[in-house]
Amino acid sequence: MVFFVISRKGFEDYLLFAEKLSAPLWISAGILSTSELEALRCRGADVTDFNYEIGLNENEVIDGAIETIKEHHPGEVIWVGK
């Protein structure tokens, strides 16, 4: 499973499962600060942050981001946290 987070609430939901699953996290720009991203990585989290913001209602952008994630994690289930 791969987590794709596009809101702060989605990130908070991800945190409920993160330690149990150790699943990769892909996150929209602007959700976490640089220091928050670094803290996750220092704890061993596999985090990829997009270099652009993805809005909750930007369905075409969300679909494009999901396709990018699929290229890097073929066959994995992608959970989208809005």
PDB file of N, CA and C in Angstrom:
ATOM      1  N   MET A   1       0.847  -1.177   0.000  1.00  0.00           N
ATOM      2  CA  MET A   1       0.000   0.000   0.000  1.00  0.00           C
ATOM      3  C   MET A   1       0.894   1.242   0.000  1.00  0.00           C
ATOM      4  N   VAL A   2       0.418   2.246  -0.709  1.00  0.00           N
ATOM      5  CA  VAL A   2       1.093   3.542  -0.771  1.00  0.00           C
ATOM      6  C   VAL A   2       0.085   4.602  -0.341  1.00  0.00           C
ATOM      7  N   PHE A   3       0.518   5.516   0.496  1.00  0.00           N
ATOM      8  CA  PHE A   3      -0.335   6.617   0.930  1.00  0.00           C
ATOM      9  C   PHE A   3      -0.032   7.857   0.098  1.00  0.00           C
ATOM     10  N   PHE A   4      -1.081   8.479  -0.430  1.00  0.00           N
ATOM     11  CA  PHE A   4      -0.977   9.713  -1.202  1.00  0.00           C
ATOM     12  C   PHE A   4      -1.808  10.749  -0.467  1.00  0.00           C
ATOM     13  N   VAL A   5      -1.160  11.777   0.063  1.00  0.00           N
ATOM     14  CA  VAL A   5      -1.817  12.745   0.935  1.00  0.00           C
ATOM     15  C   VAL A   5      -1.882  14.105   0.254  1.00  0.00           C
ATOM     16  N   ILE A   6      -3.105  14.679   0.231  1.00  0.00           N
ATOM     17  CA  ILE A   6      -3.280  15.992  -0.403  1.00  0.00           C
ATOM     18  C   ILE A   6      -3.918  17.021   0.529  1.00  0.00           C
ATOM     19  N   SER A   7      -3.932  16.717   1.827  1.00  0.00           N
ATOM     20  CA  SER A   7      -4.428  17.692   2.805  1.00  0.00           C
ATOM     21  C   SER A   7      -3.797  17.397   4.168  1.00  0.00           C
ATOM     22  N   ARG A   8      -3.878  18.356   5.055  1.00  0.00           N
ATOM     23  CA  ARG A   8      -3.348  18.144   6.409  1.00  0.00           C
ATOM     24  C   ARG A   8      -4.137  17.047   7.116  1.00  0.00           C
ATOM     25  N   LYS A   9      -5.472  17.033   6.917  1.00  0.00           N
ATOM     26  CA  LYS A   9      -6.285  15.977   7.519  1.00  0.00           C
ATOM     27  C   LYS A   9      -5.871  14.611   6.985  1.00  0.00           C
ATOM     28  N   GLY A  10      -5.607  14.538   5.693  1.00  0.00           N
ATOM     29  CA  GLY A  10      -5.139  13.279   5.113  1.00  0.00           C
ATOM     30  C   GLY A  10      -3.838  12.831   5.749  1.00  0.00           C
ATOM     31  N   PHE A  11      -2.958  13.778   6.037  1.00  0.00           N
ATOM     32  CA  PHE A  11      -1.696  13.440   6.692  1.00  0.00           C
ATOM     33  C   PHE A  11      -1.955  12.929   8.108  1.00  0.00           C
ATOM     34  N   GLU A  12      -2.851  13.574   8.824  1.00  0.00           N
ATOM     35  CA  GLU A  12      -3.180  13.124  10.178  1.00  0.00           C
ATOM     36  C   GLU A  12      -3.765  11.714  10.151  1.00  0.00           C
ATOM     37  N   ASP A  13      -4.586  11.406   9.146  1.00  0.00           N
ATOM     38  CA  ASP A  13      -5.117  10.053   8.982  1.00  0.00           C
ATOM     39  C   ASP A  13      -3.982   9.063   8.692  1.00  0.00           C
ATOM     40  N   TYR A  14      -3.053   9.469   7.848  1.00  0.00           N
ATOM     41  CA  TYR A  14      -1.895   8.628   7.537  1.00  0.00           C
ATOM     42  C   TYR A  14      -1.132   8.276   8.815  1.00  0.00           C
ATOM     43  N   LEU A  15      -0.967   9.244   9.711  1.00  0.00           N
ATOM     44  CA  LEU A  15      -0.213   9.005  10.940  1.00  0.00           C
ATOM     45  C   LEU A  15      -0.828   7.907  11.802  1.00  0.00           C
ATOM     46  N   LEU A  16      -2.135   7.699  11.686  1.00  0.00           N
ATOM     47  CA  LEU A  16      -2.795   6.646  12.455  1.00  0.00           C
ATOM     48  C   LEU A  16      -2.307   5.256  12.052  1.00  0.00           C
ATOM     49  N   PHE A  17      -1.861   5.117  10.796  1.00  0.00           N
ATOM     50  CA  PHE A  17      -1.449   3.818  10.269  1.00  0.00           C
ATOM     51  C   PHE A  17       0.045   3.706  10.009  1.00  0.00           C
ATOM     52  N   ALA A  18       0.730   4.813   9.960  1.00  0.00           N
ATOM     53  CA  ALA A  18       2.108   4.859   9.473  1.00  0.00           C
ATOM     54  C   ALA A  18       3.044   3.891  10.188  1.00  0.00           C
ATOM     55  N   GLU A  19       3.022   3.879  11.483  1.00  0.00           N
ATOM     56  CA  GLU A  19       3.959   3.039  12.211  1.00  0.00           C
ATOM     57  C   GLU A  19       3.656   1.558  12.045  1.00  0.00           C
ATOM     58  N   LYS A  20       2.401   1.216  11.899  1.00  0.00           N
ATOM     59  CA  LYS A  20       2.020  -0.195  11.756  1.00  0.00           C
ATOM     60  C   LYS A  20       2.321  -0.723  10.366  1.00  0.00           C
ATOM     61  N   LEU A  21       2.199   0.129   9.359  1.00  0.00           N
ATOM     62  CA  LEU A  21       2.326  -0.339   7.979  1.00  0.00           C
ATOM     63  C   LEU A  21       3.680  -0.066   7.338  1.00  0.00           C
ATOM     64  N   SER A  22       4.352   0.954   7.770  1.00  0.00           N
ATOM     65  CA  SER A  22       5.609   1.411   7.159  1.00  0.00           C
ATOM     66  C   SER A  22       5.484   1.521   5.634  1.00  0.00           C
ATOM     67  N   ALA A  23       4.364   2.050   5.188  1.00  0.00           N
ATOM     68  CA  ALA A  23       4.099   2.217   3.766  1.00  0.00           C
ATOM     69  C   ALA A  23       4.683   3.527   3.251  1.00  0.00           C
ATOM     70  N   PRO A  24       5.061   3.564   1.976  1.00  0.00           N
ATOM     71  CA  PRO A  24       5.556   4.809   1.396  1.00  0.00           C
ATOM     72  C   PRO A  24       4.492   5.909   1.455  1.00  0.00           C
ATOM     73  N   LEU A  25       4.966   7.126   1.602  1.00  0.00           N
ATOM     74  CA  LEU A  25       4.096   8.298   1.637  1.00  0.00           C
ATOM     75  C   LEU A  25       4.470   9.231   0.500  1.00  0.00           C
ATOM     76  N   TRP A  26       3.496   9.618  -0.290  1.00  0.00           N
ATOM     77  CA  TRP A  26       3.637  10.660  -1.309  1.00  0.00           C
ATOM     78  C   TRP A  26       2.736  11.786  -0.861  1.00  0.00           C
ATOM     79  N   ILE A  27       3.262  13.016  -0.900  1.00  0.00           N
ATOM     80  CA  ILE A  27       2.517  14.128  -0.313  1.00  0.00           C
ATOM     81  C   ILE A  27       2.596  15.376  -1.183  1.00  0.00           C
ATOM     82  N   SER A  28       1.486  16.071  -1.271  1.00  0.00           N
ATOM     83  CA  SER A  28       1.416  17.328  -2.013  1.00  0.00           C
ATOM     84  C   SER A  28       2.309  18.372  -1.360  1.00  0.00           C
ATOM     85  N   ALA A  29       2.881  19.234  -2.172  1.00  0.00           N
ATOM     86  CA  ALA A  29       3.650  20.362  -1.635  1.00  0.00           C
ATOM     87  C   ALA A  29       2.729  21.226  -0.791  1.00  0.00           C
ATOM     88  N   GLY A  30       3.301  21.829   0.245  1.00  0.00           N
ATOM     89  CA  GLY A  30       2.550  22.760   1.076  1.00  0.00           C
ATOM     90  C   GLY A  30       1.813  22.140   2.246  1.00  0.00           C
ATOM     91  N   ILE A  31       1.800  20.826   2.348  1.00  0.00           N
ATOM     92  CA  ILE A  31       1.108  20.171   3.461  1.00  0.00           C
ATOM     93  C   ILE A  31       1.986  20.186   4.702  1.00  0.00           C
ATOM     94  N   LEU A  32       3.253  19.831   4.521  1.00  0.00           N
ATOM     95  CA  LEU A  32       4.198  19.783   5.635  1.00  0.00           C
ATOM     96  C   LEU A  32       5.318  20.781   5.413  1.00  0.00           C
ATOM     97  N   SER A  33       5.867  21.244   6.504  1.00  0.00           N
ATOM     98  CA  SER A  33       7.031  22.130   6.417  1.00  0.00           C
ATOM     99  C   SER A  33       8.265  21.292   6.087  1.00  0.00           C
ATOM    100  N   THR A  34       9.318  21.962   5.698  1.00  0.00           N
ATOM    101  CA  THR A  34      10.577  21.280   5.410  1.00  0.00           C
ATOM    102  C   THR A  34      11.058  20.505   6.631  1.00  0.00           C
ATOM    103  N   SER A  35      10.922  21.097   7.800  1.00  0.00           N
ATOM    104  CA  SER A  35      11.384  20.417   9.019  1.00  0.00           C
ATOM    105  C   SER A  35      10.514  19.197   9.347  1.00  0.00           C
ATOM    106  N   GLU A  36       9.224  19.268   9.068  1.00  0.00           N
ATOM    107  CA  GLU A  36       8.355  18.102   9.295  1.00  0.00           C
ATOM    108  C   GLU A  36       8.722  16.964   8.349  1.00  0.00           C
ATOM    109  N   LEU A  37       8.987  17.300   7.087  1.00  0.00           N
ATOM    110  CA  LEU A  37       9.404  16.280   6.119  1.00  0.00           C
ATOM    111  C   LEU A  37      10.716  15.643   6.551  1.00  0.00           C
ATOM    112  N   GLU A  38      11.660  16.459   6.981  1.00  0.00           N
ATOM    113  CA  GLU A  38      12.961  15.948   7.417  1.00  0.00           C
ATOM    114  C   GLU A  38      12.815  15.053   8.644  1.00  0.00           C
ATOM    115  N   ALA A  39      11.938  15.425   9.565  1.00  0.00           N
ATOM    116  CA  ALA A  39      11.723  14.609  10.763  1.00  0.00           C
ATOM    117  C   ALA A  39      11.179  13.231  10.393  1.00  0.00           C
ATOM    118  N   LEU A  40      10.247  13.186   9.454  1.00  0.00           N
ATOM    119  CA  LEU A  40       9.724  11.896   8.997  1.00  0.00           C
ATOM    120  C   LEU A  40      10.836  11.042   8.401  1.00  0.00           C
ATOM    121  N   ARG A  41      11.633  11.656   7.554  1.00  0.00           N
ATOM    122  CA  ARG A  41      12.723  10.918   6.908  1.00  0.00           C
ATOM    123  C   ARG A  41      13.752  10.439   7.923  1.00  0.00           C
ATOM    124  N   CYS A  42      14.027  11.240   8.930  1.00  0.00           N
ATOM    125  CA  CYS A  42      14.986  10.843   9.971  1.00  0.00           C
ATOM    126  C   CYS A  42      14.483   9.648  10.769  1.00  0.00           C
ATOM    127  N   ARG A  43      13.163   9.511  10.853  1.00  0.00           N
ATOM    128  CA  ARG A  43      12.575   8.351  11.541  1.00  0.00           C
ATOM    129  C   ARG A  43      12.477   7.138  10.626  1.00  0.00           C
ATOM    130  N   GLY A  44      12.968   7.289   9.398  1.00  0.00           N
ATOM    131  CA  GLY A  44      12.989   6.156   8.474  1.00  0.00           C
ATOM    132  C   GLY A  44      11.818   6.068   7.522  1.00  0.00           C
ATOM    133  N   ALA A  45      10.948   7.067   7.511  1.00  0.00           N
ATOM    134  CA  ALA A  45       9.797   7.039   6.615  1.00  0.00           C
ATOM    135  C   ALA A  45      10.243   7.231   5.166  1.00  0.00           C
ATOM    136  N   ASP A  46       9.603   6.503   4.270  1.00  0.00           N
ATOM    137  CA  ASP A  46       9.831   6.623   2.828  1.00  0.00           C
ATOM    138  C   ASP A  46       8.877   7.703   2.315  1.00  0.00           C
ATOM    139  N   VAL A  47       9.368   8.942   2.205  1.00  0.00           N
ATOM    140  CA  VAL A  47       8.517  10.087   1.862  1.00  0.00           C
ATOM    141  C   VAL A  47       8.971  10.699   0.538  1.00  0.00           C
ATOM    142  N   THR A  48       8.003  10.885  -0.353  1.00  0.00           N
ATOM    143  CA  THR A  48       8.237  11.616  -1.596  1.00  0.00           C
ATOM    144  C   THR A  48       7.282  12.801  -1.594  1.00  0.00           C
ATOM    145  N   ASP A  49       7.827  13.993  -1.735  1.00  0.00           N
ATOM    146  CA  ASP A  49       6.973  15.176  -1.755  1.00  0.00           C
ATOM    147  C   ASP A  49       6.957  15.755  -3.168  1.00  0.00           C
ATOM    148  N   PHE A  50       5.743  15.968  -3.660  1.00  0.00           N
ATOM    149  CA  PHE A  50       5.576  16.602  -4.964  1.00  0.00           C
ATOM    150  C   PHE A  50       6.081  18.038  -4.872  1.00  0.00           C
ATOM    151  N   ASN A  51       6.560  18.575  -5.979  1.00  0.00           N
ATOM    152  CA  ASN A  51       7.063  19.952  -5.973  1.00  0.00           C
ATOM    153  C   ASN A  51       5.977  20.945  -6.376  1.00  0.00           C
ATOM    154  N   TYR A  52       4.739  20.506  -6.341  1.00  0.00           N
ATOM    155  CA  TYR A  52       3.605  21.387  -6.632  1.00  0.00           C
ATOM    156  C   TYR A  52       2.449  21.010  -5.710  1.00  0.00           C
ATOM    157  N   GLU A  53       1.596  22.012  -5.452  1.00  0.00           N
ATOM    158  CA  GLU A  53       0.434  21.773  -4.610  1.00  0.00           C
ATOM    159  C   GLU A  53      -0.669  21.105  -5.419  1.00  0.00           C
ATOM    160  N   ILE A  54      -1.385  20.207  -4.760  1.00  0.00           N
ATOM    161  CA  ILE A  54      -2.482  19.479  -5.389  1.00  0.00           C
ATOM    162  C   ILE A  54      -3.739  19.788  -4.591  1.00  0.00           C
ATOM    163  N   GLY A  55      -4.684  20.446  -5.238  1.00  0.00           N
ATOM    164  CA  GLY A  55      -5.921  20.837  -4.560  1.00  0.00           C
ATOM    165  C   GLY A  55      -6.896  19.678  -4.427  1.00  0.00           C
ATOM    166  N   LEU A  56      -7.736  19.763  -3.423  1.00  0.00           N
ATOM    167  CA  LEU A  56      -8.702  18.703  -3.152  1.00  0.00           C
ATOM    168  C   LEU A  56      -9.658  18.440  -4.306  1.00  0.00           C
ATOM    169  N   ASN A  57      -9.948  19.464  -5.099  1.00  0.00           N
ATOM    170  CA  ASN A  57     -10.911  19.316  -6.188  1.00  0.00           C
ATOM    171  C   ASN A  57     -10.260  19.310  -7.567  1.00  0.00           C
ATOM    172  N   GLU A  58      -8.962  19.185  -7.620  1.00  0.00           N
ATOM    173  CA  GLU A  58      -8.243  19.154  -8.892  1.00  0.00           C
ATOM    174  C   GLU A  58      -8.114  17.719  -9.385  1.00  0.00           C
ATOM    175  N   ASN A  59      -9.250  17.172  -9.836  1.00  0.00           N
ATOM    176  CA  ASN A  59      -9.303  15.756 -10.185  1.00  0.00           C
ATOM    177  C   ASN A  59      -8.294  15.344 -11.253  1.00  0.00           C
ATOM    178  N   GLU A  60      -8.094  16.155 -12.263  1.00  0.00           N
ATOM    179  CA  GLU A  60      -7.127  15.807 -13.305  1.00  0.00           C
ATOM    180  C   GLU A  60      -5.703  15.789 -12.752  1.00  0.00           C
ATOM    181  N   VAL A  61      -5.398  16.730 -11.877  1.00  0.00           N
ATOM    182  CA  VAL A  61      -4.064  16.788 -11.256  1.00  0.00           C
ATOM    183  C   VAL A  61      -3.879  15.593 -10.325  1.00  0.00           C
ATOM    184  N   ILE A  62      -4.913  15.259  -9.566  1.00  0.00           N
ATOM    185  CA  ILE A  62      -4.866  14.093  -8.679  1.00  0.00           C
ATOM    186  C   ILE A  62      -4.644  12.824  -9.499  1.00  0.00           C
ATOM    187  N   ASP A  63      -5.394  12.677 -10.586  1.00  0.00           N
ATOM    188  CA  ASP A  63      -5.232  11.500 -11.449  1.00  0.00           C
ATOM    189  C   ASP A  63      -3.817  11.410 -12.008  1.00  0.00           C
ATOM    190  N   GLY A  64      -3.255  12.544 -12.401  1.00  0.00           N
ATOM    191  CA  GLY A  64      -1.893  12.562 -12.922  1.00  0.00           C
ATOM    192  C   GLY A  64      -0.885  12.161 -11.862  1.00  0.00           C
ATOM    193  N   ALA A  65      -1.090  12.642 -10.640  1.00  0.00           N
ATOM    194  CA  ALA A  65      -0.198  12.287  -9.537  1.00  0.00           C
ATOM    195  C   ALA A  65      -0.294  10.796  -9.228  1.00  0.00           C
ATOM    196  N   ILE A  66      -1.499  10.252  -9.270  1.00  0.00           N
ATOM    197  CA  ILE A  66      -1.681   8.819  -9.036  1.00  0.00           C
ATOM    198  C   ILE A  66      -0.952   8.006 -10.106  1.00  0.00           C
ATOM    199  N   GLU A  67      -1.014   8.448 -11.340  1.00  0.00           N
ATOM    200  CA  GLU A  67      -0.288   7.750 -12.412  1.00  0.00           C
ATOM    201  C   GLU A  67       1.216   7.766 -12.151  1.00  0.00           C
ATOM    202  N   THR A  68       1.732   8.879 -11.675  1.00  0.00           N
ATOM    203  CA  THR A  68       3.155   8.969 -11.335  1.00  0.00           C
ATOM    204  C   THR A  68       3.496   7.984 -10.219  1.00  0.00           C
ATOM    205  N   ILE A  69       2.653   7.929  -9.210  1.00  0.00           N
ATOM    206  CA  ILE A  69       2.882   7.006  -8.092  1.00  0.00           C
ATOM    207  C   ILE A  69       2.861   5.564  -8.598  1.00  0.00           C
ATOM    208  N   LYS A  70       1.904   5.247  -9.478  1.00  0.00           N
ATOM    209  CA  LYS A  70       1.814   3.889 -10.038  1.00  0.00           C
ATOM    210  C   LYS A  70       3.088   3.500 -10.786  1.00  0.00           C
ATOM    211  N   GLU A  71       3.709   4.456 -11.457  1.00  0.00           N
ATOM    212  CA  GLU A  71       4.951   4.172 -12.173  1.00  0.00           C
ATOM    213  C   GLU A  71       6.054   3.741 -11.204  1.00  0.00           C
ATOM    214  N   HIS A  72       6.047   4.312 -10.021  1.00  0.00           N
ATOM    215  CA  HIS A  72       7.080   4.017  -9.028  1.00  0.00           C
ATOM    216  C   HIS A  72       6.731   2.828  -8.127  1.00  0.00           C
ATOM    217  N   HIS A  73       5.439   2.517  -8.027  1.00  0.00           N
ATOM    218  CA  HIS A  73       4.971   1.425  -7.164  1.00  0.00           C
ATOM    219  C   HIS A  73       3.943   0.576  -7.922  1.00  0.00           C
ATOM    220  N   PRO A  74       4.373  -0.091  -8.997  1.00  0.00           N
ATOM    221  CA  PRO A  74       3.406  -0.870  -9.795  1.00  0.00           C
ATOM    222  C   PRO A  74       2.737  -1.964  -8.980  1.00  0.00           C
ATOM    223  N   GLY A  75       1.433  -2.104  -9.195  1.00  0.00           N
ATOM    224  CA  GLY A  75       0.673  -3.146  -8.544  1.00  0.00           C
ATOM    225  C   GLY A  75       0.261  -2.859  -7.110  1.00  0.00           C
ATOM    226  N   GLU A  76       0.686  -1.733  -6.559  1.00  0.00           N
ATOM    227  CA  GLU A  76       0.344  -1.388  -5.184  1.00  0.00           C
ATOM    228  C   GLU A  76      -1.011  -0.675  -5.106  1.00  0.00           C
ATOM    229  N   VAL A  77      -1.712  -0.878  -4.017  1.00  0.00           N
ATOM    230  CA  VAL A  77      -2.926  -0.127  -3.725  1.00  0.00           C
ATOM    231  C   VAL A  77      -2.505   1.274  -3.292  1.00  0.00           C
ATOM    232  N   ILE A  78      -3.206   2.292  -3.797  1.00  0.00           N
ATOM    233  CA  ILE A  78      -2.890   3.676  -3.443  1.00  0.00           C
ATOM    234  C   ILE A  78      -4.069   4.246  -2.644  1.00  0.00           C
ATOM    235  N   TRP A  79      -3.798   4.608  -1.397  1.00  0.00           N
ATOM    236  CA  TRP A  79      -4.787   5.223  -0.522  1.00  0.00           C
ATOM    237  C   TRP A  79      -4.638   6.727  -0.663  1.00  0.00           C
ATOM    238  N   VAL A  80      -5.743   7.409  -0.954  1.00  0.00           N
ATOM    239  CA  VAL A  80      -5.706   8.875  -1.132  1.00  0.00           C
ATOM    240  C   VAL A  80      -6.320   9.525   0.096  1.00  0.00           C
ATOM    241  N   GLY A  81      -5.515  10.338   0.767  1.00  0.00           N
ATOM    242  CA  GLY A  81      -5.983  11.038   1.966  1.00  0.00           C
ATOM    243  C   GLY A  81      -6.324  12.472   1.647  1.00  0.00           C
ATOM    244  N   LYS A  82      -7.614  12.769   1.685  1.00  0.00           N
ATOM    245  CA  LYS A  82      -8.076  14.129   1.399  1.00  0.00           C
ATOM    246  C   LYS A  82      -8.418  14.848   2.678  1.00  0.00           C
TER     247      LYS A  82
END
